Structure formats: C-alpha cells, structure tokens
C-alpha cells in the first residue's frame, strides 16, 4: 500500500491517511479482507508518528470501514467495498472540502474554481452555471 501525503496542505496528517485509505478501497486498489500494514509499518513508510496512524486506523474501525482482528492485524471490512450512496456522497464531499481549502489558500477566486470544475467535466458554454450561483458560501475571493 502506497499513500501520498501533503504535509503543507493544512489537512491533518491522520485525516489524510484516513482519506487515502478510503480512496484506495473505493478505487479497488485495496480489496475487502486485505490486510493493511501494521501501525508501526505504516508510520515508518510515511515517516510519521505511530500515534497518527493509530488515530486514522481507530477512526476507520469506529465507522466500520476497517476491522481490527487480534493476531491478524487490521483489514478492510467486507461491507465497505460496495459503498452506498451516502458513503459515496460523504467521500466525495470530503475531497471537495479539501479542494476548496486548497483553492482558498492559494487565493483562487470562486469563479476560477467553477471554471476549472466545468472544464474537467467537459461542460459546454450553454451548460455552465451562472456566476451568481453561491456554491461555496462566500469562502472565495470574487
């Protein structure tokens, strides 16, 4: 398992670990029942404190995403490989929150983010949202 972290992103490291594990499961890169590295192994791979990894694992176990098996380590829960609608919404919502924080941190205007989003989705000019749509609650510079 390979995880990439962005220490300067403003997102806590334990949360990044959590999100990257969820992402890999959702993308099918890590399968149900697959054993994750031990806390110490993961901490060494990421060059972070083992307590940071332990917190990420603990929170994923608490929501049923991972299962901790004494003697077998931590594995991906069977029930989380086919995520329901609410789980997918929460997962993508968390990623969007991260993008919004990053965009605001680098001073992007709201309309720049919307244009980038629409470009990535191949939205045509007639399908574009009007500039008056308050998507981000005024967090961006106009």
C-alpha atoms as a PDB file:
ATOM      1  CA  UNK A   1       0.000   0.000   0.000  1.00  0.00           C
ATOM      2  CA  UNK A   2       1.378   3.360  -1.013  1.00  0.00           C
ATOM      3  CA  UNK A   3      -0.039   6.588   0.361  1.00  0.00           C
ATOM      4  CA  UNK A   4       0.985  10.087  -0.566  1.00  0.00           C
ATOM      5  CA  UNK A   5       0.608  12.853   1.985  1.00  0.00           C
ATOM      6  CA  UNK A   6       0.722  16.624   1.643  1.00  0.00           C
ATOM      7  CA  UNK A   7       2.151  17.910   4.936  1.00  0.00           C
ATOM      8  CA  UNK A   8       1.739  21.562   3.908  1.00  0.00           C
ATOM      9  CA  UNK A   9      -1.904  21.256   2.815  1.00  0.00           C
ATOM     10  CA  UNK A  10      -3.410  22.318   6.125  1.00  0.00           C
ATOM     11  CA  UNK A  11      -5.256  18.990   6.356  1.00  0.00           C
ATOM     12  CA  UNK A  12      -4.236  16.997   9.460  1.00  0.00           C
ATOM     13  CA  UNK A  13      -1.974  14.047   8.628  1.00  0.00           C
ATOM     14  CA  UNK A  14      -4.223  11.482  10.363  1.00  0.00           C
ATOM     15  CA  UNK A  15      -7.119  12.710   8.215  1.00  0.00           C
ATOM     16  CA  UNK A  16      -5.040  12.463   5.047  1.00  0.00           C
ATOM     17  CA  UNK A  17      -4.126   8.874   5.947  1.00  0.00           C
ATOM     18  CA  UNK A  18      -7.793   8.106   6.560  1.00  0.00           C
ATOM     19  CA  UNK A  19      -8.882   9.649   3.270  1.00  0.00           C
ATOM     20  CA  UNK A  20      -6.149   7.929   1.246  1.00  0.00           C
ATOM     21  CA  UNK A  21      -7.084   4.515   2.651  1.00  0.00           C
ATOM     22  CA  UNK A  22     -10.756   5.138   1.848  1.00  0.00           C
ATOM     23  CA  UNK A  23      -9.804   6.325  -1.617  1.00  0.00           C
ATOM     24  CA  UNK A  24      -7.752   3.204  -2.354  1.00  0.00           C
ATOM     25  CA  UNK A  25     -10.600   0.963  -1.198  1.00  0.00           C
ATOM     26  CA  UNK A  26     -13.159   2.837  -3.292  1.00  0.00           C
ATOM     27  CA  UNK A  27     -10.916   2.644  -6.354  1.00  0.00           C
ATOM     28  CA  UNK A  28     -10.417  -1.087  -5.865  1.00  0.00           C
ATOM     29  CA  UNK A  29      -6.685  -0.737  -5.179  1.00  0.00           C
ATOM     30  CA  UNK A  30      -7.179  -2.354  -1.755  1.00  0.00           C
ATOM     31  CA  UNK A  31      -9.720  -5.155  -1.523  1.00  0.00           C
ATOM     32  CA  UNK A  32     -12.111  -6.401   1.152  1.00  0.00           C
ATOM     33  CA  UNK A  33     -10.315  -8.609   3.630  1.00  0.00           C
ATOM     34  CA  UNK A  34      -6.924  -7.274   2.597  1.00  0.00           C
ATOM     35  CA  UNK A  35      -4.545  -6.710   5.486  1.00  0.00           C
ATOM     36  CA  UNK A  36      -3.174  -3.206   5.937  1.00  0.00           C
ATOM     37  CA  UNK A  37       0.368  -2.556   7.142  1.00  0.00           C
ATOM     38  CA  UNK A  38       0.719  -2.548  10.914  1.00  0.00           C
ATOM     39  CA  UNK A  39       0.619   0.814  12.629  1.00  0.00           C
ATOM     40  CA  UNK A  40       4.405   0.783  13.029  1.00  0.00           C
ATOM     41  CA  UNK A  41       4.966  -0.296   9.413  1.00  0.00           C
ATOM     42  CA  UNK A  42       2.666   2.420   8.080  1.00  0.00           C
ATOM     43  CA  UNK A  43       4.241   5.049  10.341  1.00  0.00           C
ATOM     44  CA  UNK A  44       7.708   4.082   9.088  1.00  0.00           C
ATOM     45  CA  UNK A  45       6.549   4.150   5.435  1.00  0.00           C
ATOM     46  CA  UNK A  46       5.051   7.614   5.853  1.00  0.00           C
ATOM     47  CA  UNK A  47       7.669   8.938   8.276  1.00  0.00           C
ATOM     48  CA  UNK A  48       5.011   9.949  10.800  1.00  0.00           C
ATOM     49  CA  UNK A  49       4.380   9.251  14.464  1.00  0.00           C
ATOM     50  CA  UNK A  50       2.726   5.847  15.076  1.00  0.00           C
ATOM     51  CA  UNK A  51       0.037   7.625  17.129  1.00  0.00           C
ATOM     52  CA  UNK A  52      -1.009   9.486  13.979  1.00  0.00           C
ATOM     53  CA  UNK A  53      -1.532   6.238  12.077  1.00  0.00           C
ATOM     54  CA  UNK A  54      -3.226   4.667  15.107  1.00  0.00           C
ATOM     55  CA  UNK A  55      -5.751   7.520  15.183  1.00  0.00           C
ATOM     56  CA  UNK A  56      -6.558   7.112  11.481  1.00  0.00           C
ATOM     57  CA  UNK A  57      -6.973   3.339  11.836  1.00  0.00           C
ATOM     58  CA  UNK A  58      -9.033   3.719  15.029  1.00  0.00           C
ATOM     59  CA  UNK A  59     -11.439   6.158  13.357  1.00  0.00           C
ATOM     60  CA  UNK A  60     -11.820   3.896  10.325  1.00  0.00           C
ATOM     61  CA  UNK A  61     -12.539   0.934  12.602  1.00  0.00           C
ATOM     62  CA  UNK A  62     -15.094   3.013  14.542  1.00  0.00           C
ATOM     63  CA  UNK A  63     -17.135   3.669  11.395  1.00  0.00           C
ATOM     64  CA  UNK A  64     -16.826   0.090  10.198  1.00  0.00           C
ATOM     65  CA  UNK A  65     -14.512   0.831   7.289  1.00  0.00           C
ATOM     66  CA  UNK A  66     -11.742  -1.331   8.729  1.00  0.00           C
ATOM     67  CA  UNK A  67     -11.832  -4.311  11.028  1.00  0.00           C
ATOM     68  CA  UNK A  68      -9.199  -4.919  13.692  1.00  0.00           C
ATOM     69  CA  UNK A  69      -8.580  -8.606  14.225  1.00  0.00           C
ATOM     70  CA  UNK A  70      -6.369  -9.604  17.145  1.00  0.00           C
ATOM     71  CA  UNK A  71      -3.477 -11.620  15.767  1.00  0.00           C
ATOM     72  CA  UNK A  72      -4.471 -10.857  12.152  1.00  0.00           C
ATOM     73  CA  UNK A  73      -3.989  -7.099  12.124  1.00  0.00           C
ATOM     74  CA  UNK A  74      -6.224  -4.530  10.500  1.00  0.00           C
ATOM     75  CA  UNK A  75      -8.168  -5.439   7.370  1.00  0.00           C
ATOM     76  CA  UNK A  76     -10.640  -3.741   5.051  1.00  0.00           C
ATOM     77  CA  UNK A  77     -14.180  -4.576   6.170  1.00  0.00           C
ATOM     78  CA  UNK A  78     -16.234  -6.627   3.726  1.00  0.00           C
ATOM     79  CA  UNK A  79     -19.144  -4.198   3.950  1.00  0.00           C
ATOM     80  CA  UNK A  80     -17.120  -1.210   2.762  1.00  0.00           C
ATOM     81  CA  UNK A  81     -16.084  -2.409  -0.681  1.00  0.00           C
ATOM     82  CA  UNK A  82     -19.552  -1.685  -2.098  1.00  0.00           C
ATOM     83  CA  UNK A  83     -20.294   1.715  -0.626  1.00  0.00           C
ATOM     84  CA  UNK A  84     -23.813   3.058  -0.550  1.00  0.00           C
ATOM     85  CA  UNK A  85     -24.988   6.411  -1.831  1.00  0.00           C
ATOM     86  CA  UNK A  86     -24.449   8.234   1.486  1.00  0.00           C
ATOM     87  CA  UNK A  87     -20.903   6.879   1.840  1.00  0.00           C
ATOM     88  CA  UNK A  88     -20.049   7.994  -1.703  1.00  0.00           C
ATOM     89  CA  UNK A  89     -21.517  11.460  -1.072  1.00  0.00           C
ATOM     90  CA  UNK A  90     -19.533  11.795   2.176  1.00  0.00           C
ATOM     91  CA  UNK A  91     -16.350  10.534   0.485  1.00  0.00           C
ATOM     92  CA  UNK A  92     -16.568  12.961  -2.445  1.00  0.00           C
ATOM     93  CA  UNK A  93     -17.760  15.772  -0.154  1.00  0.00           C
ATOM     94  CA  UNK A  94     -14.624  15.366   1.946  1.00  0.00           C
ATOM     95  CA  UNK A  95     -12.471  15.590  -1.188  1.00  0.00           C
ATOM     96  CA  UNK A  96     -14.325  18.705  -2.323  1.00  0.00           C
ATOM     97  CA  UNK A  97     -13.807  20.289   1.095  1.00  0.00           C
ATOM     98  CA  UNK A  98     -10.084  19.644   0.701  1.00  0.00           C
ATOM     99  CA  UNK A  99     -10.060  21.208  -2.773  1.00  0.00           C
ATOM    100  CA  UNK A 100     -11.982  24.239  -1.518  1.00  0.00           C
ATOM    101  CA  UNK A 101      -9.493  24.752   1.341  1.00  0.00           C
ATOM    102  CA  UNK A 102      -6.553  24.449  -1.044  1.00  0.00           C
ATOM    103  CA  UNK A 103      -8.097  26.807  -3.603  1.00  0.00           C
ATOM    104  CA  UNK A 104      -8.818  29.390  -0.914  1.00  0.00           C
ATOM    105  CA  UNK A 105      -5.280  29.015   0.454  1.00  0.00           C
ATOM    106  CA  UNK A 106      -3.743  29.829  -2.926  1.00  0.00           C
ATOM    107  CA  UNK A 107      -6.133  32.730  -3.478  1.00  0.00           C
ATOM    108  CA  UNK A 108      -8.272  31.300  -6.271  1.00  0.00           C
ATOM    109  CA  UNK A 109     -11.498  33.109  -6.975  1.00  0.00           C
ATOM    110  CA  UNK A 110     -14.749  31.163  -6.757  1.00  0.00           C
ATOM    111  CA  UNK A 111     -15.398  31.561 -10.476  1.00  0.00           C
ATOM    112  CA  UNK A 112     -11.901  30.182 -11.275  1.00  0.00           C
ATOM    113  CA  UNK A 113     -12.682  27.014  -9.322  1.00  0.00           C
ATOM    114  CA  UNK A 114     -16.053  26.675 -11.050  1.00  0.00           C
ATOM    115  CA  UNK A 115     -14.428  27.139 -14.477  1.00  0.00           C
ATOM    116  CA  UNK A 116     -11.808  24.524 -13.650  1.00  0.00           C
ATOM    117  CA  UNK A 117     -14.524  22.114 -12.468  1.00  0.00           C
ATOM    118  CA  UNK A 118     -16.570  22.650 -15.619  1.00  0.00           C
ATOM    119  CA  UNK A 119     -13.504  22.248 -17.841  1.00  0.00           C
ATOM    120  CA  UNK A 120     -12.632  18.945 -16.160  1.00  0.00           C
ATOM    121  CA  UNK A 121     -16.155  17.656 -16.740  1.00  0.00           C
ATOM    122  CA  UNK A 122     -16.287  18.919 -20.313  1.00  0.00           C
ATOM    123  CA  UNK A 123     -19.210  21.218 -19.592  1.00  0.00           C
ATOM    124  CA  UNK A 124     -20.211  23.260 -22.633  1.00  0.00           C
ATOM    125  CA  UNK A 125     -20.765  27.005 -22.506  1.00  0.00           C
ATOM    126  CA  UNK A 126     -24.571  26.600 -22.514  1.00  0.00           C
ATOM    127  CA  UNK A 127     -24.421  24.159 -19.571  1.00  0.00           C
ATOM    128  CA  UNK A 128     -22.264  26.361 -17.342  1.00  0.00           C
ATOM    129  CA  UNK A 129     -23.622  27.613 -14.047  1.00  0.00           C
ATOM    130  CA  UNK A 130     -24.428  31.323 -13.830  1.00  0.00           C
ATOM    131  CA  UNK A 131     -21.832  33.414 -11.939  1.00  0.00           C
ATOM    132  CA  UNK A 132     -24.392  34.250  -9.272  1.00  0.00           C
ATOM    133  CA  UNK A 133     -24.622  30.649  -8.028  1.00  0.00           C
ATOM    134  CA  UNK A 134     -23.345  30.656  -4.411  1.00  0.00           C
ATOM    135  CA  UNK A 135     -21.559  27.276  -4.416  1.00  0.00           C
ATOM    136  CA  UNK A 136     -19.002  27.896  -1.713  1.00  0.00           C
ATOM    137  CA  UNK A 137     -20.712  30.125   0.802  1.00  0.00           C
ATOM    138  CA  UNK A 138     -18.534  33.144   0.079  1.00  0.00           C
ATOM    139  CA  UNK A 139     -15.252  31.481   1.067  1.00  0.00           C
ATOM    140  CA  UNK A 140     -13.530  32.634  -2.093  1.00  0.00           C
ATOM    141  CA  UNK A 141     -12.327  35.953  -3.399  1.00  0.00           C
ATOM    142  CA  UNK A 142     -14.585  37.294  -6.172  1.00  0.00           C
END
